[in-house]
Amino acid sequence: MNLTGLASCKTCHGDLGPTSSCGTCHASAGFPSWDTNCTFCHGSTVTGRQNPPVDIQGRSAATNVSVGVHESHASTTIATFLACTECHPARTASVTTDAAHLDGNGIAEVALGALARTGGAAATYVRVSATSATCASTYCHGRFSGGENSGNGATVNWTSTTQVTCTSCHGNPPSSGRHSKHENKFGAGSATTRS
């Protein structure tokens, strides 16, 4: 997709919607809903993966905010995969008519959703530059009883290449549930896992 918006495309192609030459061509190639499907531009149309391990400029370095830790959130082994709409505004209109989506600045809009705000968490996302952004006070990263920093949650670097651990979001050991029973039985800091 064009990083500077669609105005320059429309100069030659006119309307880019479903009935235009663009829509007709994409439909005949097997992608009739290309303009409302996140995966078409930001993921893989072959595998159906929605995350951008490669951004729309072809970059794959996790130190770019456009790539960051999308991979960890969309293919995690410790939790359910996150839908795009958990962190980005839901798109119901075509990208060809959604001015907020293709506003020409090449920066994705982030609007942390219901999961990040569970229990009234005041989840925030701050983009500092093209290589620096953070999430803070999210339910996902410790904004719950027994969570990191007395339940206020951890501030997590979106472009960090360091894997988060249990103690990145939870107290050590967590103060909720049956964790104290396990701590007393197996000893603090025990690597033994029991269920």
C-alpha atoms as a PDB file:
ATOM      1  CA  MET A   1       0.000   0.000   0.000  1.00  0.00           C
ATOM      2  CA  ASN A   2       1.049   3.535  -0.621  1.00  0.00           C
ATOM      3  CA  LEU A   3       2.714   5.150   2.431  1.00  0.00           C
ATOM      4  CA  THR A   4       1.734   8.646   1.390  1.00  0.00           C
ATOM      5  CA  GLY A   5      -1.984   7.997   1.101  1.00  0.00           C
ATOM      6  CA  LEU A   6      -4.100   7.142  -1.922  1.00  0.00           C
ATOM      7  CA  ALA A   7      -4.430  10.566  -3.523  1.00  0.00           C
ATOM      8  CA  SER A   8      -1.605   9.909  -5.986  1.00  0.00           C
ATOM      9  CA  CYS A   9      -3.075   6.492  -6.892  1.00  0.00           C
ATOM     10  CA  LYS A  10      -6.486   8.015  -7.558  1.00  0.00           C
ATOM     11  CA  THR A  11      -4.953  10.484 -10.008  1.00  0.00           C
ATOM     12  CA  CYS A  12      -4.525   7.689 -12.545  1.00  0.00           C
ATOM     13  CA  HIS A  13      -6.841   4.968 -11.286  1.00  0.00           C
ATOM     14  CA  GLY A  14      -9.793   7.047 -10.120  1.00  0.00           C
ATOM     15  CA  ASP A  15     -12.084   5.243  -7.688  1.00  0.00           C
ATOM     16  CA  LEU A  16     -10.216   2.355  -6.050  1.00  0.00           C
ATOM     17  CA  GLY A  17     -13.263   0.595  -4.634  1.00  0.00           C
ATOM     18  CA  PRO A  18     -14.679  -2.862  -5.350  1.00  0.00           C
ATOM     19  CA  THR A  19     -16.121  -1.911  -8.734  1.00  0.00           C
ATOM     20  CA  SER A  20     -12.965  -0.166  -9.982  1.00  0.00           C
ATOM     21  CA  SER A  21     -10.226  -1.782 -12.054  1.00  0.00           C
ATOM     22  CA  CYS A  22      -8.341  -2.403  -8.780  1.00  0.00           C
ATOM     23  CA  GLY A  23     -11.344  -4.139  -7.240  1.00  0.00           C
ATOM     24  CA  THR A  24     -12.003  -6.184 -10.371  1.00  0.00           C
ATOM     25  CA  CYS A  25      -8.380  -7.322 -10.627  1.00  0.00           C
ATOM     26  CA  HIS A  26      -8.092  -8.230  -6.936  1.00  0.00           C
ATOM     27  CA  ALA A  27     -11.418 -10.102  -7.080  1.00  0.00           C
ATOM     28  CA  SER A  28     -10.350 -12.128 -10.129  1.00  0.00           C
ATOM     29  CA  ALA A  29      -7.106 -13.016  -8.292  1.00  0.00           C
ATOM     30  CA  GLY A  30      -9.178 -14.468  -5.426  1.00  0.00           C
ATOM     31  CA  PHE A  31      -9.190 -11.493  -3.052  1.00  0.00           C
ATOM     32  CA  PRO A  32     -12.606  -9.840  -3.397  1.00  0.00           C
ATOM     33  CA  SER A  33     -12.468  -8.329   0.094  1.00  0.00           C
ATOM     34  CA  TRP A  34      -8.869  -7.090  -0.153  1.00  0.00           C
ATOM     35  CA  ASP A  35      -9.836  -3.552   0.838  1.00  0.00           C
ATOM     36  CA  THR A  36     -11.385  -4.598   4.196  1.00  0.00           C
ATOM     37  CA  ASN A  37      -9.027  -7.470   5.076  1.00  0.00           C
ATOM     38  CA  CYS A  38      -6.084  -6.616   7.394  1.00  0.00           C
ATOM     39  CA  THR A  39      -4.131  -9.654   6.237  1.00  0.00           C
ATOM     40  CA  PHE A  40      -4.106  -8.578   2.593  1.00  0.00           C
ATOM     41  CA  CYS A  41      -1.661  -5.721   3.265  1.00  0.00           C
ATOM     42  CA  HIS A  42      -0.286  -6.502   6.716  1.00  0.00           C
ATOM     43  CA  GLY A  43       0.087 -10.253   6.888  1.00  0.00           C
ATOM     44  CA  SER A  44       0.250 -13.228   4.591  1.00  0.00           C
ATOM     45  CA  THR A  45      -2.506 -13.993   2.120  1.00  0.00           C
ATOM     46  CA  VAL A  46      -0.964 -17.466   1.772  1.00  0.00           C
ATOM     47  CA  THR A  47      -0.902 -18.520   5.456  1.00  0.00           C
ATOM     48  CA  GLY A  48      -3.597 -16.138   6.717  1.00  0.00           C
ATOM     49  CA  ARG A  49      -1.310 -14.815   9.469  1.00  0.00           C
ATOM     50  CA  GLN A  50      -2.398 -11.318  10.408  1.00  0.00           C
ATOM     51  CA  ASN A  51       0.764  -9.986  11.984  1.00  0.00           C
ATOM     52  CA  PRO A  52       3.450  -8.115  10.118  1.00  0.00           C
ATOM     53  CA  PRO A  53       6.718  -9.967  10.700  1.00  0.00           C
ATOM     54  CA  VAL A  54       7.611  -7.833   7.694  1.00  0.00           C
ATOM     55  CA  ASP A  55       6.206  -4.308   7.632  1.00  0.00           C
ATOM     56  CA  ILE A  56       4.636  -2.594   4.619  1.00  0.00           C
ATOM     57  CA  GLN A  57       8.066  -1.275   3.638  1.00  0.00           C
ATOM     58  CA  GLY A  58       9.588  -4.764   3.594  1.00  0.00           C
ATOM     59  CA  ARG A  59      11.535  -4.346   6.850  1.00  0.00           C
ATOM     60  CA  SER A  60      11.745  -7.206   9.354  1.00  0.00           C
ATOM     61  CA  ALA A  61      13.861  -5.763  12.185  1.00  0.00           C
ATOM     62  CA  ALA A  62      11.976  -5.887  15.488  1.00  0.00           C
ATOM     63  CA  THR A  63      13.711  -2.638  16.450  1.00  0.00           C
ATOM     64  CA  ASN A  64      11.334  -0.818  14.074  1.00  0.00           C
ATOM     65  CA  VAL A  65       8.020   0.091  15.720  1.00  0.00           C
ATOM     66  CA  SER A  66       6.242  -1.076  12.560  1.00  0.00           C
ATOM     67  CA  VAL A  67       7.506  -4.616  13.247  1.00  0.00           C
ATOM     68  CA  GLY A  68       8.295  -4.583  16.968  1.00  0.00           C
ATOM     69  CA  VAL A  69       6.932  -7.557  18.888  1.00  0.00           C
ATOM     70  CA  HIS A  70       3.921  -8.196  16.642  1.00  0.00           C
ATOM     71  CA  GLU A  71       5.237 -11.740  16.201  1.00  0.00           C
ATOM     72  CA  SER A  72       5.106 -12.426  19.948  1.00  0.00           C
ATOM     73  CA  HIS A  73       1.534 -11.185  20.210  1.00  0.00           C
ATOM     74  CA  ALA A  74       0.143 -12.923  17.137  1.00  0.00           C
ATOM     75  CA  SER A  75       1.878 -16.275  17.503  1.00  0.00           C
ATOM     76  CA  THR A  76       2.393 -16.562  21.248  1.00  0.00           C
ATOM     77  CA  THR A  77       2.626 -19.941  22.939  1.00  0.00           C
ATOM     78  CA  ILE A  78       1.666 -18.677  26.418  1.00  0.00           C
ATOM     79  CA  ALA A  79      -1.708 -17.138  25.577  1.00  0.00           C
ATOM     80  CA  THR A  80      -4.360 -16.958  22.881  1.00  0.00           C
ATOM     81  CA  PHE A  81      -3.263 -15.102  19.757  1.00  0.00           C
ATOM     82  CA  LEU A  82      -4.363 -11.481  19.764  1.00  0.00           C
ATOM     83  CA  ALA A  83      -6.622 -10.155  17.045  1.00  0.00           C
ATOM     84  CA  CYS A  84      -5.500  -6.994  15.232  1.00  0.00           C
ATOM     85  CA  THR A  85      -8.435  -5.155  16.818  1.00  0.00           C
ATOM     86  CA  GLU A  86      -7.032  -5.691  20.330  1.00  0.00           C
ATOM     87  CA  CYS A  87      -4.499  -2.955  19.571  1.00  0.00           C
ATOM     88  CA  HIS A  88      -5.694  -1.258  16.387  1.00  0.00           C
ATOM     89  CA  PRO A  89      -9.055   0.362  15.545  1.00  0.00           C
ATOM     90  CA  ALA A  90     -11.491  -2.019  13.867  1.00  0.00           C
ATOM     91  CA  ARG A  91     -11.850  -1.321  10.162  1.00  0.00           C
ATOM     92  CA  THR A  92     -15.266  -1.841   8.669  1.00  0.00           C
ATOM     93  CA  ALA A  93     -14.969   0.561   5.763  1.00  0.00           C
ATOM     94  CA  SER A  94     -12.790   0.030   2.721  1.00  0.00           C
ATOM     95  CA  VAL A  95      -9.200   1.247   3.062  1.00  0.00           C
ATOM     96  CA  THR A  96      -9.822   3.173  -0.129  1.00  0.00           C
ATOM     97  CA  THR A  97     -12.365   5.404   1.634  1.00  0.00           C
ATOM     98  CA  ASP A  98     -11.097   5.290   5.239  1.00  0.00           C
ATOM     99  CA  ALA A  99      -9.097   8.515   5.531  1.00  0.00           C
ATOM    100  CA  ALA A 100      -7.912   7.679   9.067  1.00  0.00           C
ATOM    101  CA  HIS A 101      -6.404   4.395   7.937  1.00  0.00           C
ATOM    102  CA  LEU A 102      -4.512   5.672   4.936  1.00  0.00           C
ATOM    103  CA  ASP A 103      -3.802   9.190   6.115  1.00  0.00           C
ATOM    104  CA  GLY A 104      -0.469   9.410   4.308  1.00  0.00           C
ATOM    105  CA  ASN A 105       1.833   9.449   7.348  1.00  0.00           C
ATOM    106  CA  GLY A 106       2.749   5.739   7.234  1.00  0.00           C
ATOM    107  CA  ILE A 107       2.097   5.342  10.982  1.00  0.00           C
ATOM    108  CA  ALA A 108      -0.427   2.786  12.241  1.00  0.00           C
ATOM    109  CA  GLU A 109      -3.107   3.972  14.634  1.00  0.00           C
ATOM    110  CA  VAL A 110      -3.037   2.223  18.010  1.00  0.00           C
ATOM    111  CA  ALA A 111      -6.139   2.088  20.193  1.00  0.00           C
ATOM    112  CA  LEU A 112      -5.697  -0.480  22.949  1.00  0.00           C
ATOM    113  CA  GLY A 113      -8.866  -2.536  23.206  1.00  0.00           C
ATOM    114  CA  ALA A 114     -10.972  -4.392  25.733  1.00  0.00           C
ATOM    115  CA  LEU A 115      -8.373  -6.977  26.712  1.00  0.00           C
ATOM    116  CA  ALA A 116      -5.706  -4.402  27.591  1.00  0.00           C
ATOM    117  CA  ARG A 117      -8.335  -2.438  29.566  1.00  0.00           C
ATOM    118  CA  THR A 118      -9.772  -5.420  31.503  1.00  0.00           C
ATOM    119  CA  GLY A 119     -10.738  -4.514  35.051  1.00  0.00           C
ATOM    120  CA  GLY A 120     -10.558  -0.784  34.312  1.00  0.00           C
ATOM    121  CA  ALA A 121      -6.850  -0.788  33.453  1.00  0.00           C
ATOM    122  CA  ALA A 122      -5.784   2.614  32.126  1.00  0.00           C
ATOM    123  CA  ALA A 123      -3.793   1.088  29.266  1.00  0.00           C
ATOM    124  CA  THR A 124      -1.568   3.432  27.276  1.00  0.00           C
ATOM    125  CA  TYR A 125       0.583   3.198  24.168  1.00  0.00           C
ATOM    126  CA  VAL A 126       3.203   5.853  23.497  1.00  0.00           C
ATOM    127  CA  ARG A 127       5.135   6.023  20.229  1.00  0.00           C
ATOM    128  CA  VAL A 128       8.272   8.107  20.733  1.00  0.00           C
ATOM    129  CA  SER A 129       9.916   7.527  17.355  1.00  0.00           C
ATOM    130  CA  ALA A 130      10.165   5.024  14.501  1.00  0.00           C
ATOM    131  CA  THR A 131      12.275   2.810  16.781  1.00  0.00           C
ATOM    132  CA  SER A 132      10.791   3.445  20.219  1.00  0.00           C
ATOM    133  CA  ALA A 133       7.338   2.809  21.700  1.00  0.00           C
ATOM    134  CA  THR A 134       5.939   1.500  24.982  1.00  0.00           C
ATOM    135  CA  CYS A 135       2.776  -0.037  26.388  1.00  0.00           C
ATOM    136  CA  ALA A 136       1.973   0.641  30.030  1.00  0.00           C
ATOM    137  CA  SER A 137      -0.698  -0.128  32.619  1.00  0.00           C
ATOM    138  CA  THR A 138      -2.177  -2.913  30.510  1.00  0.00           C
ATOM    139  CA  TYR A 139      -4.024  -5.868  31.954  1.00  0.00           C
ATOM    140  CA  CYS A 140      -1.908  -8.014  29.623  1.00  0.00           C
ATOM    141  CA  HIS A 141       1.301  -7.018  31.381  1.00  0.00           C
ATOM    142  CA  GLY A 142       0.446  -7.013  35.052  1.00  0.00           C
ATOM    143  CA  ARG A 143      -2.359  -4.478  35.665  1.00  0.00           C
ATOM    144  CA  PHE A 144      -4.242  -6.906  37.902  1.00  0.00           C
ATOM    145  CA  SER A 145      -4.217  -8.106  41.491  1.00  0.00           C
ATOM    146  CA  GLY A 146      -0.842  -9.729  42.126  1.00  0.00           C
ATOM    147  CA  GLY A 147       0.569  -8.154  39.012  1.00  0.00           C
ATOM    148  CA  GLU A 148       3.848  -6.336  38.479  1.00  0.00           C
ATOM    149  CA  ASN A 149       4.509  -3.105  40.351  1.00  0.00           C
ATOM    150  CA  SER A 150       1.738  -3.645  42.931  1.00  0.00           C
ATOM    151  CA  GLY A 151      -0.845  -4.297  40.265  1.00  0.00           C
ATOM    152  CA  ASN A 152      -0.083  -1.164  38.228  1.00  0.00           C
ATOM    153  CA  GLY A 153       1.490  -3.230  35.482  1.00  0.00           C
ATOM    154  CA  ALA A 154       4.823  -3.184  33.744  1.00  0.00           C
ATOM    155  CA  THR A 155       5.859  -0.650  31.140  1.00  0.00           C
ATOM    156  CA  VAL A 156       6.900  -2.793  28.199  1.00  0.00           C
ATOM    157  CA  ASN A 157       9.184  -1.718  25.361  1.00  0.00           C
ATOM    158  CA  TRP A 158       7.472  -2.517  22.042  1.00  0.00           C
ATOM    159  CA  THR A 159      10.798  -2.840  20.195  1.00  0.00           C
ATOM    160  CA  SER A 160      12.697  -4.861  22.791  1.00  0.00           C
ATOM    161  CA  THR A 161      14.360  -8.029  21.561  1.00  0.00           C
ATOM    162  CA  THR A 162      14.465  -9.410  25.117  1.00  0.00           C
ATOM    163  CA  GLN A 163      11.819 -12.056  25.810  1.00  0.00           C
ATOM    164  CA  VAL A 164       9.464 -11.201  28.667  1.00  0.00           C
ATOM    165  CA  THR A 165       9.220 -13.738  31.482  1.00  0.00           C
ATOM    166  CA  CYS A 166       6.603 -14.530  34.107  1.00  0.00           C
ATOM    167  CA  THR A 167       8.100 -11.901  36.418  1.00  0.00           C
ATOM    168  CA  SER A 168       7.857  -9.245  33.703  1.00  0.00           C
ATOM    169  CA  CYS A 169       4.135  -9.071  34.452  1.00  0.00           C
ATOM    170  CA  HIS A 170       3.575 -11.018  37.685  1.00  0.00           C
ATOM    171  CA  GLY A 171       5.030 -10.576  41.121  1.00  0.00           C
ATOM    172  CA  ASN A 172       7.630 -13.155  42.104  1.00  0.00           C
ATOM    173  CA  PRO A 173       5.831 -15.213  43.202  1.00  0.00           C
ATOM    174  CA  PRO A 174       2.385 -13.907  42.277  1.00  0.00           C
ATOM    175  CA  SER A 175       0.349 -12.980  45.343  1.00  0.00           C
ATOM    176  CA  SER A 176      -2.947 -14.246  43.944  1.00  0.00           C
ATOM    177  CA  GLY A 177      -4.607 -17.591  43.465  1.00  0.00           C
ATOM    178  CA  ARG A 178      -2.861 -20.685  44.809  1.00  0.00           C
ATOM    179  CA  HIS A 179       0.655 -19.456  44.084  1.00  0.00           C
ATOM    180  CA  SER A 180       1.542 -19.061  47.776  1.00  0.00           C
ATOM    181  CA  LYS A 181       0.604 -22.707  48.407  1.00  0.00           C
ATOM    182  CA  HIS A 182       3.027 -23.806  45.688  1.00  0.00           C
ATOM    183  CA  GLU A 183       5.718 -21.462  46.961  1.00  0.00           C
ATOM    184  CA  ASN A 184       5.493 -22.915  50.456  1.00  0.00           C
ATOM    185  CA  LYS A 185       5.493 -26.485  49.143  1.00  0.00           C
ATOM    186  CA  PHE A 186       8.263 -26.179  46.561  1.00  0.00           C
ATOM    187  CA  GLY A 187      10.256 -23.255  47.912  1.00  0.00           C
ATOM    188  CA  ALA A 188      10.658 -19.720  46.619  1.00  0.00           C
ATOM    189  CA  GLY A 189      12.336 -19.513  43.263  1.00  0.00           C
ATOM    190  CA  SER A 190      11.869 -23.217  42.566  1.00  0.00           C
ATOM    191  CA  ALA A 191      12.008 -24.078  38.910  1.00  0.00           C
ATOM    192  CA  THR A 192       9.723 -27.043  39.531  1.00  0.00           C
ATOM    193  CA  THR A 193       6.342 -26.705  37.912  1.00  0.00           C
ATOM    194  CA  ARG A 194       3.352 -28.473  39.425  1.00  0.00           C
ATOM    195  CA  SER A 195      -0.327 -28.344  38.668  1.00  0.00           C
END
